[in-house]
Structure formats: C-alpha cells, structure tokens
C-alpha atoms as a PDB file:
ATOM      1  CA  UNK A   1     118.669 103.222 107.445  1.00  0.00           C
ATOM      2  CA  UNK A   2     119.679 100.633 110.344  1.00  0.00           C
ATOM      3  CA  UNK A   3     120.609  96.222 109.514  1.00  0.00           C
ATOM      4  CA  UNK A   4     117.778  95.962 112.097  1.00  0.00           C
ATOM      5  CA  UNK A   5     115.408  98.191 109.941  1.00  0.00           C
ATOM      6  CA  UNK A   6     116.384  95.109 107.028  1.00  0.00           C
ATOM      7  CA  UNK A   7     117.665  92.288 108.914  1.00  0.00           C
ATOM      8  CA  UNK A   8     114.526  91.388 110.870  1.00  0.00           C
ATOM      9  CA  UNK A   9     112.732  88.495 111.284  1.00  0.00           C
ATOM     10  CA  UNK A  10     110.334  89.837 108.318  1.00  0.00           C
ATOM     11  CA  UNK A  11     112.794  89.904 106.338  1.00  0.00           C
ATOM     12  CA  UNK A  12     114.685  87.075 106.900  1.00  0.00           C
ATOM     13  CA  UNK A  13     112.190  84.913 106.305  1.00  0.00           C
ATOM     14  CA  UNK A  14     111.040  85.824 103.370  1.00  0.00           C
ATOM     15  CA  UNK A  15     114.253  86.437 102.188  1.00  0.00           C
ATOM     16  CA  UNK A  16     114.420  82.332 102.800  1.00  0.00           C
ATOM     17  CA  UNK A  17     111.196  82.012 101.418  1.00  0.00           C
ATOM     18  CA  UNK A  18     111.925  83.551  97.931  1.00  0.00           C
ATOM     19  CA  UNK A  19     114.957  81.709  97.681  1.00  0.00           C
ATOM     20  CA  UNK A  20     114.058  78.181  98.629  1.00  0.00           C
ATOM     21  CA  UNK A  21     112.955  77.018  95.135  1.00  0.00           C
ATOM     22  CA  UNK A  22     116.121  78.921  93.006  1.00  0.00           C
ATOM     23  CA  UNK A  23     118.525  76.708  95.642  1.00  0.00           C
ATOM     24  CA  UNK A  24     116.986  73.593  95.574  1.00  0.00           C
ATOM     25  CA  UNK A  25     115.790  73.433  92.188  1.00  0.00           C
ATOM     26  CA  UNK A  26     119.514  74.198  90.755  1.00  0.00           C
ATOM     27  CA  UNK A  27     122.690  73.213  93.536  1.00  0.00           C
ATOM     28  CA  UNK A  28     123.071  69.733  94.464  1.00  0.00           C
ATOM     29  CA  UNK A  29     123.133  67.976  96.080  1.00  0.00           C
ATOM     30  CA  UNK A  30     119.459  69.709  97.302  1.00  0.00           C
ATOM     31  CA  UNK A  31     117.891  69.460  93.150  1.00  0.00           C
ATOM     32  CA  UNK A  32     118.836  65.338  93.138  1.00  0.00           C
ATOM     33  CA  UNK A  33     117.074  64.747  97.169  1.00  0.00           C
ATOM     34  CA  UNK A  34     113.852  67.221  95.846  1.00  0.00           C
ATOM     35  CA  UNK A  35     113.881  66.558  92.313  1.00  0.00           C
ATOM     36  CA  UNK A  36     115.384  62.885  92.131  1.00  0.00           C
ATOM     37  CA  UNK A  37     114.981  62.481  87.926  1.00  0.00           C
ATOM     38  CA  UNK A  38     115.048  66.578  87.282  1.00  0.00           C
ATOM     39  CA  UNK A  39     118.491  68.308  85.756  1.00  0.00           C
ATOM     40  CA  UNK A  40     120.040  70.946  88.204  1.00  0.00           C
ATOM     41  CA  UNK A  41     118.977  73.551  86.746  1.00  0.00           C
ATOM     42  CA  UNK A  42     115.709  75.727  85.923  1.00  0.00           C
ATOM     43  CA  UNK A  43     113.483  75.691  82.222  1.00  0.00           C
ATOM     44  CA  UNK A  44     113.310  78.543  80.333  1.00  0.00           C
ATOM     45  CA  UNK A  45     109.791  78.364  81.094  1.00  0.00           C
ATOM     46  CA  UNK A  46     110.740  78.299  85.026  1.00  0.00           C
ATOM     47  CA  UNK A  47     113.115  81.750  84.669  1.00  0.00           C
ATOM     48  CA  UNK A  48     110.463  83.531  82.157  1.00  0.00           C
ATOM     49  CA  UNK A  49     108.040  82.708  85.804  1.00  0.00           C
ATOM     50  CA  UNK A  50     110.123  84.389  88.076  1.00  0.00           C
ATOM     51  CA  UNK A  51     111.710  87.279  85.683  1.00  0.00           C
ATOM     52  CA  UNK A  52     108.235  88.187  84.957  1.00  0.00           C
ATOM     53  CA  UNK A  53     107.404  87.781  88.696  1.00  0.00           C
ATOM     54  CA  UNK A  54     109.966  90.512  88.935  1.00  0.00           C
ATOM     55  CA  UNK A  55     108.445  92.384  86.504  1.00  0.00           C
ATOM     56  CA  UNK A  56     105.080  92.776  88.131  1.00  0.00           C
ATOM     57  CA  UNK A  57     107.253  93.679  92.450  1.00  0.00           C
ATOM     58  CA  UNK A  58     108.738  96.297  89.771  1.00  0.00           C
ATOM     59  CA  UNK A  59     105.881  98.502  88.145  1.00  0.00           C
ATOM     60  CA  UNK A  60     103.154  98.176  91.475  1.00  0.00           C
ATOM     61  CA  UNK A  61     106.642 100.134  92.884  1.00  0.00           C
ATOM     62  CA  UNK A  62     106.795 102.703  90.632  1.00  0.00           C
ATOM     63  CA  UNK A  63     102.560 102.647  90.912  1.00  0.00           C
ATOM     64  CA  UNK A  64     103.171 102.197  94.625  1.00  0.00           C
ATOM     65  CA  UNK A  65     105.940 104.810  95.326  1.00  0.00           C
ATOM     66  CA  UNK A  66     107.478 103.454  97.779  1.00  0.00           C
ATOM     67  CA  UNK A  67     108.873 104.860 100.353  1.00  0.00           C
ATOM     68  CA  UNK A  68     110.409 102.912 102.972  1.00  0.00           C
ATOM     69  CA  UNK A  69     112.783  99.494 102.437  1.00  0.00           C
ATOM     70  CA  UNK A  70     110.572  97.068 103.708  1.00  0.00           C
ATOM     71  CA  UNK A  71     107.478  98.361 101.169  1.00  0.00           C
ATOM     72  CA  UNK A  72     109.766  97.992  98.225  1.00  0.00           C
ATOM     73  CA  UNK A  73     110.409  95.137  98.735  1.00  0.00           C
ATOM     74  CA  UNK A  74     106.812  93.523 100.043  1.00  0.00           C
ATOM     75  CA  UNK A  75     105.931  93.538  96.341  1.00  0.00           C
ATOM     76  CA  UNK A  76     109.257  91.308  95.332  1.00  0.00           C
ATOM     77  CA  UNK A  77     108.507  89.002  97.912  1.00  0.00           C
ATOM     78  CA  UNK A  78     104.511  88.814  97.750  1.00  0.00           C
ATOM     79  CA  UNK A  79     105.035  87.877  93.678  1.00  0.00           C
ATOM     80  CA  UNK A  80     108.350  86.114  93.838  1.00  0.00           C
ATOM     81  CA  UNK A  81     106.546  83.494  96.338  1.00  0.00           C
ATOM     82  CA  UNK A  82     103.585  82.890  93.741  1.00  0.00           C
ATOM     83  CA  UNK A  83     105.688  82.009  90.782  1.00  0.00           C
ATOM     84  CA  UNK A  84     107.656  79.823  93.289  1.00  0.00           C
ATOM     85  CA  UNK A  85     103.944  78.111  94.547  1.00  0.00           C
ATOM     86  CA  UNK A  86     103.045  77.600  91.026  1.00  0.00           C
ATOM     87  CA  UNK A  87     106.816  76.265  89.650  1.00  0.00           C
ATOM     88  CA  UNK A  88     107.519  73.870  93.350  1.00  0.00           C
ATOM     89  CA  UNK A  89     103.358  72.448  92.379  1.00  0.00           C
ATOM     90  CA  UNK A  90     104.451  72.151  88.405  1.00  0.00           C
ATOM     91  CA  UNK A  91     106.822  69.729  89.643  1.00  0.00           C
ATOM     92  CA  UNK A  92     105.685  68.573  92.519  1.00  0.00           C
ATOM     93  CA  UNK A  93     102.257  69.371  94.339  1.00  0.00           C
ATOM     94  CA  UNK A  94     103.049  67.881  97.500  1.00  0.00           C
ATOM     95  CA  UNK A  95     106.332  69.902  98.058  1.00  0.00           C
ATOM     96  CA  UNK A  96     104.553  72.886  96.766  1.00  0.00           C
ATOM     97  CA  UNK A  97     101.735  72.614  99.207  1.00  0.00           C
ATOM     98  CA  UNK A  98     104.440  71.908 101.955  1.00  0.00           C
ATOM     99  CA  UNK A  99     105.876  75.925 100.100  1.00  0.00           C
ATOM    100  CA  UNK A 100     101.798  77.728 100.570  1.00  0.00           C
ATOM    101  CA  UNK A 101     101.450  76.474 104.354  1.00  0.00           C
ATOM    102  CA  UNK A 102     105.057  77.779 104.911  1.00  0.00           C
ATOM    103  CA  UNK A 103     104.110  80.848 103.321  1.00  0.00           C
ATOM    104  CA  UNK A 104     100.924  80.991 105.737  1.00  0.00           C
ATOM    105  CA  UNK A 105     102.767  80.158 108.546  1.00  0.00           C
ATOM    106  CA  UNK A 106     105.369  82.814 107.838  1.00  0.00           C
ATOM    107  CA  UNK A 107     102.820  85.769 106.960  1.00  0.00           C
ATOM    108  CA  UNK A 108     100.824  84.709 110.702  1.00  0.00           C
ATOM    109  CA  UNK A 109     104.443  84.264 112.858  1.00  0.00           C
ATOM    110  CA  UNK A 110     106.658  87.100 111.032  1.00  0.00           C
ATOM    111  CA  UNK A 111     103.746  90.689 109.793  1.00  0.00           C
ATOM    112  CA  UNK A 112     105.921  93.439 108.447  1.00  0.00           C
ATOM    113  CA  UNK A 113     107.012  94.769 111.579  1.00  0.00           C
ATOM    114  CA  UNK A 114     105.117  98.556 113.365  1.00  0.00           C
ATOM    115  CA  UNK A 115     106.484 101.320 113.362  1.00  0.00           C
ATOM    116  CA  UNK A 116     107.984 102.612 116.695  1.00  0.00           C
ATOM    117  CA  UNK A 117     110.778 105.094 116.468  1.00  0.00           C
ATOM    118  CA  UNK A 118     110.288 109.158 117.218  1.00  0.00           C
ATOM    119  CA  UNK A 119     106.239 110.937 116.821  1.00  0.00           C
ATOM    120  CA  UNK A 120     104.077 113.905 117.639  1.00  0.00           C
ATOM    121  CA  UNK A 121     101.368 112.526 117.725  1.00  0.00           C
ATOM    122  CA  UNK A 122      98.004 111.994 120.127  1.00  0.00           C
ATOM    123  CA  UNK A 123      96.177 108.767 120.417  1.00  0.00           C
ATOM    124  CA  UNK A 124      92.301 109.136 120.272  1.00  0.00           C
ATOM    125  CA  UNK A 125      89.551 106.442 121.899  1.00  0.00           C
ATOM    126  CA  UNK A 126      85.986 106.948 120.648  1.00  0.00           C
ATOM    127  CA  UNK A 127      85.635 109.246 124.036  1.00  0.00           C
ATOM    128  CA  UNK A 128      87.918 112.004 123.443  1.00  0.00           C
ATOM    129  CA  UNK A 129      87.995 112.258 119.330  1.00  0.00           C
ATOM    130  CA  UNK A 130      85.435 114.828 119.046  1.00  0.00           C
ATOM    131  CA  UNK A 131      85.730 116.956 122.236  1.00  0.00           C
ATOM    132  CA  UNK A 132      89.260 117.316 121.447  1.00  0.00           C
ATOM    133  CA  UNK A 133      88.725 118.402 117.542  1.00  0.00           C
ATOM    134  CA  UNK A 134      86.364 121.282 119.180  1.00  0.00           C
ATOM    135  CA  UNK A 135      87.980 122.381 123.058  1.00  0.00           C
ATOM    136  CA  UNK A 136      90.077 124.676 120.967  1.00  0.00           C
ATOM    137  CA  UNK A 137      88.443 125.619 116.687  1.00  0.00           C
ATOM    138  CA  UNK A 138      92.381 127.799 116.164  1.00  0.00           C
ATOM    139  CA  UNK A 139      94.327 124.209 116.533  1.00  0.00           C
ATOM    140  CA  UNK A 140      94.190 122.497 113.263  1.00  0.00           C
ATOM    141  CA  UNK A 141      93.945 118.297 113.558  1.00  0.00           C
ATOM    142  CA  UNK A 142      94.756 115.975 111.027  1.00  0.00           C
ATOM    143  CA  UNK A 143      93.939 112.529 111.762  1.00  0.00           C
ATOM    144  CA  UNK A 144      94.492 109.020 110.670  1.00  0.00           C
ATOM    145  CA  UNK A 145      91.926 106.341 111.034  1.00  0.00           C
ATOM    146  CA  UNK A 146      93.940 103.020 111.227  1.00  0.00           C
ATOM    147  CA  UNK A 147      93.304  99.730 111.681  1.00  0.00           C
ATOM    148  CA  UNK A 148      96.922  97.179 113.222  1.00  0.00           C
ATOM    149  CA  UNK A 149      95.821  94.506 110.268  1.00  0.00           C
ATOM    150  CA  UNK A 150      96.000  96.327 106.889  1.00  0.00           C
ATOM    151  CA  UNK A 151      99.881  96.207 105.797  1.00  0.00           C
ATOM    152  CA  UNK A 152      99.162 100.052 104.441  1.00  0.00           C
ATOM    153  CA  UNK A 153      98.124 101.120 107.697  1.00  0.00           C
ATOM    154  CA  UNK A 154     101.634  99.275 108.745  1.00  0.00           C
ATOM    155  CA  UNK A 155     103.811 101.848 106.350  1.00  0.00           C
ATOM    156  CA  UNK A 156     101.626 104.809 106.944  1.00  0.00           C
ATOM    157  CA  UNK A 157     103.240 104.574 110.551  1.00  0.00           C
ATOM    158  CA  UNK A 158     106.720 105.725 109.967  1.00  0.00           C
ATOM    159  CA  UNK A 159     105.462 108.509 107.211  1.00  0.00           C
ATOM    160  CA  UNK A 160     102.962 110.104 109.711  1.00  0.00           C
ATOM    161  CA  UNK A 161     105.172 110.041 112.536  1.00  0.00           C
ATOM    162  CA  UNK A 162     108.055 111.779 110.437  1.00  0.00           C
ATOM    163  CA  UNK A 163     105.451 114.264 108.696  1.00  0.00           C
ATOM    164  CA  UNK A 164     104.285 114.948 112.797  1.00  0.00           C
ATOM    165  CA  UNK A 165     108.158 115.513 113.371  1.00  0.00           C
ATOM    166  CA  UNK A 166     108.308 118.080 110.758  1.00  0.00           C
ATOM    167  CA  UNK A 167     105.097 120.224 110.828  1.00  0.00           C
ATOM    168  CA  UNK A 168     103.962 119.692 114.531  1.00  0.00           C
ATOM    169  CA  UNK A 169     103.053 122.884 116.788  1.00  0.00           C
ATOM    170  CA  UNK A 170     100.885 123.961 119.139  1.00  0.00           C
ATOM    171  CA  UNK A 171      98.573 124.925 116.443  1.00  0.00           C
ATOM    172  CA  UNK A 172      98.853 122.283 113.971  1.00  0.00           C
ATOM    173  CA  UNK A 173      98.392 118.169 115.365  1.00  0.00           C
ATOM    174  CA  UNK A 174      98.261 115.204 114.593  1.00  0.00           C
ATOM    175  CA  UNK A 175      96.282 112.226 115.837  1.00  0.00           C
ATOM    176  CA  UNK A 176      94.934 108.956 115.044  1.00  0.00           C
ATOM    177  CA  UNK A 177      92.827 106.399 116.756  1.00  0.00           C
ATOM    178  CA  UNK A 178      92.198 102.783 115.725  1.00  0.00           C
ATOM    179  CA  UNK A 179      88.503 102.392 114.308  1.00  0.00           C
ATOM    180  CA  UNK A 180      89.555  98.415 114.690  1.00  0.00           C
ATOM    181  CA  UNK A 181      88.443  99.367 117.729  1.00  0.00           C
ATOM    182  CA  UNK A 182      86.063 102.109 117.870  1.00  0.00           C
ATOM    183  CA  UNK A 183      83.999 101.740 115.293  1.00  0.00           C
ATOM    184  CA  UNK A 184      81.665 103.645 115.816  1.00  0.00           C
ATOM    185  CA  UNK A 185      83.552 106.412 115.027  1.00  0.00           C
ATOM    186  CA  UNK A 186      84.427 104.949 111.800  1.00  0.00           C
ATOM    187  CA  UNK A 187      80.767 105.119 111.170  1.00  0.00           C
ATOM    188  CA  UNK A 188      81.014 108.647 112.056  1.00  0.00           C
ATOM    189  CA  UNK A 189      83.243 109.505 109.494  1.00  0.00           C
ATOM    190  CA  UNK A 190      82.046 107.619 106.722  1.00  0.00           C
ATOM    191  CA  UNK A 191      84.942 104.994 106.720  1.00  0.00           C
ATOM    192  CA  UNK A 192      84.514 101.436 105.421  1.00  0.00           C
ATOM    193  CA  UNK A 193      85.960  98.875 107.494  1.00  0.00           C
ATOM    194  CA  UNK A 194      85.428  95.686 105.408  1.00  0.00           C
ATOM    195  CA  UNK A 195      88.619  93.423 104.780  1.00  0.00           C
ATOM    196  CA  UNK A 196      88.423  94.774 101.127  1.00  0.00           C
ATOM    197  CA  UNK A 197      87.695  98.790 102.005  1.00  0.00           C
ATOM    198  CA  UNK A 198      89.758 101.115 100.146  1.00  0.00           C
ATOM    199  CA  UNK A 199      89.173 103.949 102.727  1.00  0.00           C
ATOM    200  CA  UNK A 200      92.096 101.696 105.118  1.00  0.00           C
ATOM    201  CA  UNK A 201      93.315 104.067 106.274  1.00  0.00           C
ATOM    202  CA  UNK A 202      92.041 107.232 105.871  1.00  0.00           C
ATOM    203  CA  UNK A 203      93.814 110.817 106.962  1.00  0.00           C
ATOM    204  CA  UNK A 204      91.543 114.264 107.403  1.00  0.00           C
ATOM    205  CA  UNK A 205      92.098 117.430 108.556  1.00  0.00           C
ATOM    206  CA  UNK A 206      90.208 119.351 110.643  1.00  0.00           C
ATOM    207  CA  UNK A 207      90.052 123.243 110.684  1.00  0.00           C
ATOM    208  CA  UNK A 208      87.517 124.926 113.234  1.00  0.00           C
ATOM    209  CA  UNK A 209      86.532 121.590 114.738  1.00  0.00           C
ATOM    210  CA  UNK A 210      85.200 120.589 110.995  1.00  0.00           C
ATOM    211  CA  UNK A 211      86.142 118.596 108.249  1.00  0.00           C
ATOM    212  CA  UNK A 212      88.373 120.378 105.051  1.00  0.00           C
ATOM    213  CA  UNK A 213      88.986 117.651 103.486  1.00  0.00           C
ATOM    214  CA  UNK A 214      90.217 114.313 103.538  1.00  0.00           C
ATOM    215  CA  UNK A 215      92.419 111.126 101.228  1.00  0.00           C
ATOM    216  CA  UNK A 216      91.328 108.948  99.516  1.00  0.00           C
ATOM    217  CA  UNK A 217      88.846 111.902  98.375  1.00  0.00           C
ATOM    218  CA  UNK A 218      84.957 110.082  98.536  1.00  0.00           C
ATOM    219  CA  UNK A 219      81.595 110.327  96.722  1.00  0.00           C
ATOM    220  CA  UNK A 220      78.880 111.229  98.533  1.00  0.00           C
ATOM    221  CA  UNK A 221      77.955 107.902  98.397  1.00  0.00           C
ATOM    222  CA  UNK A 222      81.069 107.614 100.674  1.00  0.00           C
ATOM    223  CA  UNK A 223      82.609 105.342  97.248  1.00  0.00           C
ATOM    224  CA  UNK A 224      86.531 106.064  96.961  1.00  0.00           C
ATOM    225  CA  UNK A 225      86.755 108.194  93.906  1.00  0.00           C
ATOM    226  CA  UNK A 226      90.381 108.015  93.388  1.00  0.00           C
ATOM    227  CA  UNK A 227      93.185 105.584  95.279  1.00  0.00           C
ATOM    228  CA  UNK A 228      95.733 107.480  97.182  1.00  0.00           C
ATOM    229  CA  UNK A 229      99.213 106.532  97.654  1.00  0.00           C
ATOM    230  CA  UNK A 230     100.180 107.593 101.242  1.00  0.00           C
ATOM    231  CA  UNK A 231     103.922 108.996 100.822  1.00  0.00           C
ATOM    232  CA  UNK A 232     104.950 111.558 102.407  1.00  0.00           C
ATOM    233  CA  UNK A 233     105.718 113.570  98.899  1.00  0.00           C
ATOM    234  CA  UNK A 234     101.488 112.616  98.164  1.00  0.00           C
ATOM    235  CA  UNK A 235     100.602 113.325 101.893  1.00  0.00           C
ATOM    236  CA  UNK A 236     102.122 117.050 101.914  1.00  0.00           C
ATOM    237  CA  UNK A 237     101.944 117.987  97.899  1.00  0.00           C
ATOM    238  CA  UNK A 238      97.568 117.257  99.654  1.00  0.00           C
ATOM    239  CA  UNK A 239      97.241 119.145 102.162  1.00  0.00           C
ATOM    240  CA  UNK A 240      99.496 121.926 101.571  1.00  0.00           C
ATOM    241  CA  UNK A 241     100.916 121.352 104.638  1.00  0.00           C
ATOM    242  CA  UNK A 242     104.243 123.389 104.199  1.00  0.00           C
ATOM    243  CA  UNK A 243     101.848 126.522 103.589  1.00  0.00           C
ATOM    244  CA  UNK A 244      99.845 124.877 106.678  1.00  0.00           C
ATOM    245  CA  UNK A 245     102.549 124.693 109.083  1.00  0.00           C
ATOM    246  CA  UNK A 246     103.688 128.647 108.556  1.00  0.00           C
ATOM    247  CA  UNK A 247      99.881 129.856 109.473  1.00  0.00           C
ATOM    248  CA  UNK A 248      99.518 127.899 112.077  1.00  0.00           C
ATOM    249  CA  UNK A 249     103.494 128.533 112.912  1.00  0.00           C
ATOM    250  CA  UNK A 250     102.305 132.140 112.969  1.00  0.00           C
ATOM    251  CA  UNK A 251      99.017 131.656 115.172  1.00  0.00           C
ATOM    252  CA  UNK A 252     101.609 130.060 117.428  1.00  0.00           C
ATOM    253  CA  UNK A 253     103.862 133.399 117.703  1.00  0.00           C
ATOM    254  CA  UNK A 254     100.679 136.182 117.131  1.00  0.00           C
ATOM    255  CA  UNK A 255      99.579 134.263 120.483  1.00  0.00           C
ATOM    256  CA  UNK A 256     102.932 134.428 122.272  1.00  0.00           C
ATOM    257  CA  UNK A 257     103.023 137.749 121.798  1.00  0.00           C
ATOM    258  CA  UNK A 258      99.497 138.188 123.029  1.00  0.00           C
ATOM    259  CA  UNK A 259      99.571 136.435 126.181  1.00  0.00           C
ATOM    260  CA  UNK A 260     103.565 138.619 127.001  1.00  0.00           C
ATOM    261  CA  UNK A 261     101.222 141.812 126.358  1.00  0.00           C
ATOM    262  CA  UNK A 262      98.721 140.482 128.906  1.00  0.00           C
ATOM    263  CA  UNK A 263     101.797 139.471 131.156  1.00  0.00           C
END
C-alpha cells in the first residue's frame, strides 16, 4: 500500500477530526482554553463513549469485511466523530455545534478518493449497453450498475478493477454504467436508485445476452433478499469467476484454432 493511499486529504482531514476532542480535552493549554474550569483529562464516561465508538467500528468491519485501507478506517472515522460530537455538545454546545459543522464541511470537501488505477472495464451509456450485451452472444458480461454518490460504489471500484485485470478476456468482459446519469437503465433492470436503496451498487452477470444472476439478489417484487458485501472474495465466489474465466478462456482458444484453420 502506497503512502498516497493513506495520506490523502480525506484521511488527513478525518484523522484531525477524530483527534480533536481527545487532544483538546487532555492537554494544556488547549484544555484550559477550550474548557475553562474543567480538569485536563477525559472523564471515565467520556472514555467509555470513545471506546464504545471504536468497538462499534470494529463490529461494522467484521460484518463488512473491508478490502482496503479506506474501507477499513471509514467506520472508525464515522463513529468516533459521532461520539466526539456528543461529548463536545455535553461540555459546550457552541463547540459541539462548531464541530458538527466542521464534520459536514469535511464530508462535502473531502469525500472518499475515487479509484483511478488500471482496469479492463468498459463504460456504457443508455444507447449502447443493450446492443453491446446482445451483439455477440458468445461473450459473457459482468456489469456493475453504480452511482458516483454512493460510498459503497466508490469502494467497489478498486475491487471491480482488480477482478477485471485478473479475469477479463475476449469472451469474459467487465462493464460499468452510471445509473444516476441513465435512470432509464436502472428502470429497465429493476434497480431502485433511491438514496436509501439497498440495490446500489448492483452487479449483474449476462450470458448469451440474458441476465443469469445478480448481487444483491432481489425478489419478484424487487425487494433485496439478503445484504451483499462487495468484497473480492464474495464477488469471485458468487459469480464463480474462476470457473467462468476457465470456460471463457477455453472458448478463446477454440476461436483462435478455428480462425487459424480458416487461414
């Protein structure tokens, strides 16, 4: 992992935010300046709140199985900032309100960094996705339907790119489509794009121009049957990418032999 992946504006700003309350409450002259009349130490109640926030972040990570440094630290940032907001408001409502405003500003100015590394992913629009899927039915497509405002989609990007680099070939291709720009595509594939939707992102496997399976899986009415965590391991297992890659590579070799015979 490179230093730029850790020491980016998002991480630095959030490290500062989660450190503000413990530092200002514990070290003079900051503690005497911001909290006049209080001892320069955190109370047991405050320590319990901060420890509880860290434990909640740990539990979230155990469930979500984070695949990157940013994904791993995100729950800790969130819950420690929430705990700090509560504790600052208890000590001084003005300082607490200012801290909440700072959190909102950082959230707006420094979102989680977007993946900008290598991949073998094709990007679709509303005009070419269906044509491309059905143009050559010998090609299998794994397509991610995403929105740029979803943190889950941001975290999926490096995972999906890594899968494309590992498994893509002439008969197994990876694609992405921004359903916030093309809502008609979301409607066609029955993907709910609401802010609270559990279907963002959705990854669908197409074979022979038809949908074979998707994650998260949905019922006939469009309800998500089970929450899905978009880790490399889960995606590889759910779409059987090892077997699919072997099968499609065999197709490629057959096509090459047929082409050679024709020549």
